[in-house]
Amino acid sequence: MNQEEYIRSRFTNEEDEFLQSVLKSIEEKGMPAISVPPENGKMITLLTKISRAKEALEVGALGGYSGIHIMRGLPDNGHLTSLELNPEYAQLAGNNLVKAGFEGRVTYYTGEALDSFEKLTTEGKKFDLFLIDADKRNYENYLDRAIELANPGAIILADNTLWRGRVYDFEDHDKLTVTIREFNEKVARHPNLESLLLPIGDGLLLARVKE
């Protein structure tokens, strides 16, 4: 048993039948198997609860797996805004969130996420928690937009920030590897953020917007 298997076996409920059905629905639709791993999902739920977030935003809905973990951490009057490029993915995610008991508490914006961020800015929206888990090339842009829409003390999470260990292999100059490495560096040195990269799953970056 390795570290990942130990953590997953002791601290996550892999037998959660509903979450398994969500993953199955994603597979059946032929969508990529890139949902957050169970341990990251559990961490997202815990951080959502600990932060006492009421308004959350995720970049990348896929089939709703991460959205359910966020919603499980929000209070009964909490709300999730989800940005998803693909309308079919957003539809599946929405269906799964309704099945999970969160009908009427999720709003989907489809199309390019940066365009959706512009709409949210125009609408004057503010958020307490963000999850970035979409196209890696825009991670820095999503970070900038998240900070603009963040309430003081808001939490910003970003998945896949260890990039299968490639970010700390400084001989690896692949474009995506460099992009994520630069994103991590930006978060680590950002004057308005307190941050740490958690070595669970493929890396979950945690940042708090200073008050």
C-alpha atoms as a PDB file:
ATOM      1  CA  MET A   1       0.000   0.000   0.000  1.00  0.00           C
ATOM      2  CA  ASN A   2       1.419   3.391  -0.947  1.00  0.00           C
ATOM      3  CA  GLN A   3       0.761   6.812   0.614  1.00  0.00           C
ATOM      4  CA  GLU A   4      -2.138   7.632  -1.708  1.00  0.00           C
ATOM      5  CA  GLU A   5      -3.837   4.280  -1.129  1.00  0.00           C
ATOM      6  CA  TYR A   6      -3.447   4.598   2.642  1.00  0.00           C
ATOM      7  CA  ILE A   7      -4.967   8.093   2.759  1.00  0.00           C
ATOM      8  CA  ARG A   8      -7.790   7.122   0.436  1.00  0.00           C
ATOM      9  CA  SER A   9      -8.597   3.940   2.351  1.00  0.00           C
ATOM     10  CA  ARG A  10      -8.697   5.654   5.745  1.00  0.00           C
ATOM     11  CA  PHE A  11     -10.069   9.108   5.078  1.00  0.00           C
ATOM     12  CA  THR A  12     -12.408   8.906   2.086  1.00  0.00           C
ATOM     13  CA  ASN A  13     -15.585   6.977   1.512  1.00  0.00           C
ATOM     14  CA  GLU A  14     -14.934   5.190  -1.758  1.00  0.00           C
ATOM     15  CA  GLU A  15     -18.142   3.271  -1.218  1.00  0.00           C
ATOM     16  CA  ASP A  16     -20.265   6.421  -1.610  1.00  0.00           C
ATOM     17  CA  GLU A  17     -22.677   4.956  -4.127  1.00  0.00           C
ATOM     18  CA  PHE A  18     -23.938   8.288  -5.372  1.00  0.00           C
ATOM     19  CA  LEU A  19     -20.455   9.624  -6.122  1.00  0.00           C
ATOM     20  CA  GLN A  20     -19.677   6.364  -7.885  1.00  0.00           C
ATOM     21  CA  SER A  21     -22.798   6.858 -10.007  1.00  0.00           C
ATOM     22  CA  VAL A  22     -21.602  10.344 -10.935  1.00  0.00           C
ATOM     23  CA  LEU A  23     -18.260   8.969 -12.096  1.00  0.00           C
ATOM     24  CA  LYS A  24     -20.098   6.270 -14.039  1.00  0.00           C
ATOM     25  CA  SER A  25     -22.292   8.866 -15.751  1.00  0.00           C
ATOM     26  CA  ILE A  26     -19.159  10.736 -16.837  1.00  0.00           C
ATOM     27  CA  GLU A  27     -17.672   7.540 -18.251  1.00  0.00           C
ATOM     28  CA  GLU A  28     -20.892   6.619 -20.048  1.00  0.00           C
ATOM     29  CA  LYS A  29     -20.950  10.006 -21.777  1.00  0.00           C
ATOM     30  CA  GLY A  30     -17.433   9.399 -23.083  1.00  0.00           C
ATOM     31  CA  MET A  31     -16.099  12.344 -21.120  1.00  0.00           C
ATOM     32  CA  PRO A  32     -12.482  12.398 -19.906  1.00  0.00           C
ATOM     33  CA  ALA A  33     -11.787  10.716 -16.550  1.00  0.00           C
ATOM     34  CA  ILE A  34     -10.282  13.832 -14.985  1.00  0.00           C
ATOM     35  CA  SER A  35     -12.486  14.421 -11.945  1.00  0.00           C
ATOM     36  CA  VAL A  36     -10.634  15.257  -8.738  1.00  0.00           C
ATOM     37  CA  PRO A  37      -9.568  12.139  -6.792  1.00  0.00           C
ATOM     38  CA  PRO A  38     -11.587  11.208  -3.673  1.00  0.00           C
ATOM     39  CA  GLU A  39      -9.042  12.595  -1.224  1.00  0.00           C
ATOM     40  CA  ASN A  40      -9.005  15.973  -2.980  1.00  0.00           C
ATOM     41  CA  GLY A  41     -12.788  15.976  -3.036  1.00  0.00           C
ATOM     42  CA  LYS A  42     -12.861  15.350   0.714  1.00  0.00           C
ATOM     43  CA  MET A  43     -10.362  18.155   1.257  1.00  0.00           C
ATOM     44  CA  ILE A  44     -12.460  20.530  -0.862  1.00  0.00           C
ATOM     45  CA  THR A  45     -15.531  19.733   1.244  1.00  0.00           C
ATOM     46  CA  LEU A  46     -13.613  20.257   4.503  1.00  0.00           C
ATOM     47  CA  LEU A  47     -12.058  23.543   3.357  1.00  0.00           C
ATOM     48  CA  THR A  48     -15.450  24.785   2.194  1.00  0.00           C
ATOM     49  CA  LYS A  49     -16.888  24.033   5.643  1.00  0.00           C
ATOM     50  CA  ILE A  50     -13.904  25.451   7.551  1.00  0.00           C
ATOM     51  CA  SER A  51     -13.954  28.676   5.533  1.00  0.00           C
ATOM     52  CA  ARG A  52     -17.692  29.108   6.179  1.00  0.00           C
ATOM     53  CA  ALA A  53     -18.109  29.954   2.508  1.00  0.00           C
ATOM     54  CA  LYS A  54     -21.591  30.773   1.253  1.00  0.00           C
ATOM     55  CA  GLU A  55     -20.838  31.734  -2.351  1.00  0.00           C
ATOM     56  CA  ALA A  56     -18.536  29.413  -4.289  1.00  0.00           C
ATOM     57  CA  LEU A  57     -17.284  29.399  -7.858  1.00  0.00           C
ATOM     58  CA  GLU A  58     -15.705  26.555  -9.791  1.00  0.00           C
ATOM     59  CA  VAL A  59     -13.918  26.777 -13.112  1.00  0.00           C
ATOM     60  CA  GLY A  60     -14.551  23.458 -14.841  1.00  0.00           C
ATOM     61  CA  ALA A  61     -17.735  21.532 -14.057  1.00  0.00           C
ATOM     62  CA  LEU A  62     -17.129  18.333 -16.062  1.00  0.00           C
ATOM     63  CA  GLY A  63     -19.857  15.987 -14.742  1.00  0.00           C
ATOM     64  CA  GLY A  64     -20.462  17.612 -11.378  1.00  0.00           C
ATOM     65  CA  TYR A  65     -18.201  15.475  -9.165  1.00  0.00           C
ATOM     66  CA  SER A  66     -16.219  18.392  -7.727  1.00  0.00           C
ATOM     67  CA  GLY A  67     -19.348  20.549  -7.598  1.00  0.00           C
ATOM     68  CA  ILE A  68     -21.021  18.006  -5.321  1.00  0.00           C
ATOM     69  CA  HIS A  69     -18.023  18.096  -2.984  1.00  0.00           C
ATOM     70  CA  ILE A  70     -18.256  21.890  -2.827  1.00  0.00           C
ATOM     71  CA  MET A  71     -22.007  21.813  -2.218  1.00  0.00           C
ATOM     72  CA  ARG A  72     -21.585  19.280   0.585  1.00  0.00           C
ATOM     73  CA  GLY A  73     -19.446  21.863   2.366  1.00  0.00           C
ATOM     74  CA  LEU A  74     -21.752  24.856   1.868  1.00  0.00           C
ATOM     75  CA  PRO A  75     -24.542  25.773   4.297  1.00  0.00           C
ATOM     76  CA  ASP A  76     -28.161  25.262   3.282  1.00  0.00           C
ATOM     77  CA  ASN A  77     -28.315  28.795   1.912  1.00  0.00           C
ATOM     78  CA  GLY A  78     -25.029  28.417   0.023  1.00  0.00           C
ATOM     79  CA  HIS A  79     -24.791  28.745  -3.747  1.00  0.00           C
ATOM     80  CA  LEU A  80     -22.391  27.462  -6.408  1.00  0.00           C
ATOM     81  CA  THR A  81     -21.582  29.228  -9.666  1.00  0.00           C
ATOM     82  CA  SER A  82     -20.014  26.879 -12.196  1.00  0.00           C
ATOM     83  CA  LEU A  83     -18.144  27.893 -15.354  1.00  0.00           C
ATOM     84  CA  GLU A  84     -17.980  25.217 -18.048  1.00  0.00           C
ATOM     85  CA  LEU A  85     -16.857  25.477 -21.655  1.00  0.00           C
ATOM     86  CA  ASN A  86     -18.912  22.546 -22.952  1.00  0.00           C
ATOM     87  CA  PRO A  87     -22.733  22.890 -22.669  1.00  0.00           C
ATOM     88  CA  GLU A  88     -23.157  19.083 -22.681  1.00  0.00           C
ATOM     89  CA  TYR A  89     -20.833  18.780 -19.702  1.00  0.00           C
ATOM     90  CA  ALA A  90     -22.729  21.529 -17.878  1.00  0.00           C
ATOM     91  CA  GLN A  91     -26.012  19.744 -18.554  1.00  0.00           C
ATOM     92  CA  LEU A  92     -24.732  16.464 -17.104  1.00  0.00           C
ATOM     93  CA  ALA A  93     -23.253  18.281 -14.111  1.00  0.00           C
ATOM     94  CA  GLY A  94     -26.539  20.063 -13.529  1.00  0.00           C
ATOM     95  CA  ASN A  95     -28.487  16.813 -13.680  1.00  0.00           C
ATOM     96  CA  ASN A  96     -26.121  15.184 -11.197  1.00  0.00           C
ATOM     97  CA  LEU A  97     -26.330  18.144  -8.803  1.00  0.00           C
ATOM     98  CA  VAL A  98     -30.136  17.952  -8.904  1.00  0.00           C
ATOM     99  CA  LYS A  99     -29.966  14.219  -8.133  1.00  0.00           C
ATOM    100  CA  ALA A 100     -27.634  15.051  -5.248  1.00  0.00           C
ATOM    101  CA  GLY A 101     -30.338  17.252  -3.727  1.00  0.00           C
ATOM    102  CA  PHE A 102     -28.983  20.676  -4.735  1.00  0.00           C
ATOM    103  CA  GLU A 103     -31.647  21.781  -7.195  1.00  0.00           C
ATOM    104  CA  GLY A 104     -31.904  25.544  -7.518  1.00  0.00           C
ATOM    105  CA  ARG A 105     -28.596  26.168  -5.787  1.00  0.00           C
ATOM    106  CA  VAL A 106     -26.232  26.018  -8.779  1.00  0.00           C
ATOM    107  CA  THR A 107     -25.902  28.451 -11.686  1.00  0.00           C
ATOM    108  CA  TYR A 108     -24.038  27.422 -14.833  1.00  0.00           C
ATOM    109  CA  TYR A 109     -22.285  29.763 -17.237  1.00  0.00           C
ATOM    110  CA  THR A 110     -21.233  28.042 -20.462  1.00  0.00           C
ATOM    111  CA  GLY A 111     -18.598  29.148 -22.951  1.00  0.00           C
ATOM    112  CA  GLU A 112     -15.111  30.523 -22.412  1.00  0.00           C
ATOM    113  CA  ALA A 113     -14.502  30.945 -18.690  1.00  0.00           C
ATOM    114  CA  LEU A 114     -12.779  34.308 -19.096  1.00  0.00           C
ATOM    115  CA  ASP A 115     -15.890  35.638 -20.834  1.00  0.00           C
ATOM    116  CA  SER A 116     -17.993  34.311 -17.962  1.00  0.00           C
ATOM    117  CA  PHE A 117     -15.688  36.032 -15.476  1.00  0.00           C
ATOM    118  CA  GLU A 118     -16.362  39.298 -17.320  1.00  0.00           C
ATOM    119  CA  LYS A 119     -20.109  38.754 -16.952  1.00  0.00           C
ATOM    120  CA  LEU A 120     -19.724  38.043 -13.243  1.00  0.00           C
ATOM    121  CA  THR A 121     -17.687  41.224 -12.823  1.00  0.00           C
ATOM    122  CA  THR A 122     -20.362  43.231 -14.604  1.00  0.00           C
ATOM    123  CA  GLU A 123     -23.004  41.640 -12.370  1.00  0.00           C
ATOM    124  CA  GLY A 124     -21.027  42.651  -9.290  1.00  0.00           C
ATOM    125  CA  LYS A 125     -20.693  39.090  -7.977  1.00  0.00           C
ATOM    126  CA  LYS A 126     -18.339  38.237  -5.119  1.00  0.00           C
ATOM    127  CA  PHE A 127     -17.273  34.819  -3.829  1.00  0.00           C
ATOM    128  CA  ASP A 128     -15.892  33.185  -0.707  1.00  0.00           C
ATOM    129  CA  LEU A 129     -14.333  30.113  -2.326  1.00  0.00           C
ATOM    130  CA  PHE A 130     -12.965  29.228  -5.761  1.00  0.00           C
ATOM    131  CA  LEU A 131     -11.931  25.924  -7.331  1.00  0.00           C
ATOM    132  CA  ILE A 132      -9.817  26.153 -10.475  1.00  0.00           C
ATOM    133  CA  ASP A 133      -9.743  22.872 -12.378  1.00  0.00           C
ATOM    134  CA  ALA A 134      -9.918  23.577 -16.104  1.00  0.00           C
ATOM    135  CA  ASP A 135      -7.494  24.331 -18.949  1.00  0.00           C
ATOM    136  CA  LYS A 136      -4.065  24.742 -17.409  1.00  0.00           C
ATOM    137  CA  ARG A 137      -2.925  27.380 -19.905  1.00  0.00           C
ATOM    138  CA  ASN A 138      -5.297  29.868 -18.316  1.00  0.00           C
ATOM    139  CA  TYR A 139      -4.617  29.087 -14.662  1.00  0.00           C
ATOM    140  CA  GLU A 140      -2.857  32.417 -14.121  1.00  0.00           C
ATOM    141  CA  ASN A 141      -5.680  34.309 -15.821  1.00  0.00           C
ATOM    142  CA  TYR A 142      -8.251  32.487 -13.703  1.00  0.00           C
ATOM    143  CA  LEU A 143      -6.266  33.338 -10.586  1.00  0.00           C
ATOM    144  CA  ASP A 144      -6.245  37.025 -11.463  1.00  0.00           C
ATOM    145  CA  ARG A 145     -10.005  37.024 -12.067  1.00  0.00           C
ATOM    146  CA  ALA A 146     -10.663  35.066  -8.880  1.00  0.00           C
ATOM    147  CA  ILE A 147      -8.744  37.601  -6.799  1.00  0.00           C
ATOM    148  CA  GLU A 148     -10.774  40.399  -8.383  1.00  0.00           C
ATOM    149  CA  LEU A 149     -14.046  38.669  -7.419  1.00  0.00           C
ATOM    150  CA  ALA A 150     -12.899  37.478  -3.997  1.00  0.00           C
ATOM    151  CA  ASN A 151     -14.313  38.599  -0.701  1.00  0.00           C
ATOM    152  CA  PRO A 152     -11.640  39.313   1.947  1.00  0.00           C
ATOM    153  CA  GLY A 153     -10.422  36.017   3.386  1.00  0.00           C
ATOM    154  CA  ALA A 154     -11.692  34.003   0.403  1.00  0.00           C
ATOM    155  CA  ILE A 155     -10.159  30.606  -0.352  1.00  0.00           C
ATOM    156  CA  ILE A 156      -8.741  29.792  -3.794  1.00  0.00           C
ATOM    157  CA  LEU A 157      -8.041  26.156  -4.688  1.00  0.00           C
ATOM    158  CA  ALA A 158      -6.347  24.835  -7.829  1.00  0.00           C
ATOM    159  CA  ASP A 159      -6.063  21.171  -8.761  1.00  0.00           C
ATOM    160  CA  ASN A 160      -3.276  19.292 -10.622  1.00  0.00           C
ATOM    161  CA  THR A 161      -0.595  21.653  -9.387  1.00  0.00           C
ATOM    162  CA  LEU A 162       2.017  18.929  -8.888  1.00  0.00           C
ATOM    163  CA  TRP A 163       1.416  17.801 -12.478  1.00  0.00           C
ATOM    164  CA  ARG A 164       2.388  14.196 -11.733  1.00  0.00           C
ATOM    165  CA  GLY A 165       5.640  15.363 -10.163  1.00  0.00           C
ATOM    166  CA  ARG A 166       6.822  17.144 -13.264  1.00  0.00           C
ATOM    167  CA  VAL A 167       6.753  20.652 -11.762  1.00  0.00           C
ATOM    168  CA  TYR A 168       9.715  19.896  -9.522  1.00  0.00           C
ATOM    169  CA  ASP A 169      11.678  18.171 -12.273  1.00  0.00           C
ATOM    170  CA  PHE A 170      13.463  21.298 -13.442  1.00  0.00           C
ATOM    171  CA  GLU A 171      14.838  19.456 -16.448  1.00  0.00           C
ATOM    172  CA  ASP A 172      11.263  19.199 -17.720  1.00  0.00           C
ATOM    173  CA  HIS A 173      10.627  22.128 -20.041  1.00  0.00           C
ATOM    174  CA  ASP A 174       7.346  20.947 -21.518  1.00  0.00           C
ATOM    175  CA  LYS A 175       5.098  23.954 -22.153  1.00  0.00           C
ATOM    176  CA  LEU A 176       2.298  22.841 -19.823  1.00  0.00           C
ATOM    177  CA  THR A 177       4.745  21.855 -17.108  1.00  0.00           C
ATOM    178  CA  VAL A 178       6.362  25.286 -17.284  1.00  0.00           C
ATOM    179  CA  THR A 179       2.930  26.945 -17.248  1.00  0.00           C
ATOM    180  CA  ILE A 180       1.884  25.187 -14.042  1.00  0.00           C
ATOM    181  CA  ARG A 181       5.298  25.731 -12.469  1.00  0.00           C
ATOM    182  CA  GLU A 182       4.998  29.463 -13.182  1.00  0.00           C
ATOM    183  CA  PHE A 183       1.458  29.469 -11.795  1.00  0.00           C
ATOM    184  CA  ASN A 184       2.682  27.894  -8.547  1.00  0.00           C
ATOM    185  CA  GLU A 185       5.477  30.439  -8.324  1.00  0.00           C
ATOM    186  CA  LYS A 186       3.027  33.299  -8.861  1.00  0.00           C
ATOM    187  CA  VAL A 187       0.732  32.070  -6.094  1.00  0.00           C
ATOM    188  CA  ALA A 188       3.640  31.452  -3.728  1.00  0.00           C
ATOM    189  CA  ARG A 189       4.936  35.001  -4.155  1.00  0.00           C
ATOM    190  CA  HIS A 190       1.678  36.894  -4.598  1.00  0.00           C
ATOM    191  CA  PRO A 191       1.539  39.798  -2.115  1.00  0.00           C
ATOM    192  CA  ASN A 192      -2.216  39.399  -1.571  1.00  0.00           C
ATOM    193  CA  LEU A 193      -2.199  35.652  -0.904  1.00  0.00           C
ATOM    194  CA  GLU A 194      -1.185  33.241   1.846  1.00  0.00           C
ATOM    195  CA  SER A 195      -0.633  29.856   0.254  1.00  0.00           C
ATOM    196  CA  LEU A 196       0.560  26.269   0.394  1.00  0.00           C
ATOM    197  CA  LEU A 197       0.636  23.399  -2.083  1.00  0.00           C
ATOM    198  CA  LEU A 198      -0.919  20.301  -0.498  1.00  0.00           C
ATOM    199  CA  PRO A 199       0.695  17.047  -1.749  1.00  0.00           C
ATOM    200  CA  ILE A 200      -2.518  15.039  -2.093  1.00  0.00           C
ATOM    201  CA  GLY A 201      -3.812  13.587  -5.340  1.00  0.00           C
ATOM    202  CA  ASP A 202      -2.018  15.408  -8.133  1.00  0.00           C
ATOM    203  CA  GLY A 203      -1.474  18.429  -5.907  1.00  0.00           C
ATOM    204  CA  LEU A 204      -4.090  20.790  -4.496  1.00  0.00           C
ATOM    205  CA  LEU A 205      -2.936  24.370  -4.178  1.00  0.00           C
ATOM    206  CA  LEU A 206      -4.539  26.289  -1.308  1.00  0.00           C
ATOM    207  CA  ALA A 207      -4.464  30.073  -1.082  1.00  0.00           C
ATOM    208  CA  ARG A 208      -6.243  32.579   1.135  1.00  0.00           C
ATOM    209  CA  VAL A 209      -6.896  36.136   0.004  1.00  0.00           C
ATOM    210  CA  LYS A 210      -5.551  38.513   2.637  1.00  0.00           C
ATOM    211  CA  GLU A 211      -8.056  40.761   4.383  1.00  0.00           C
END
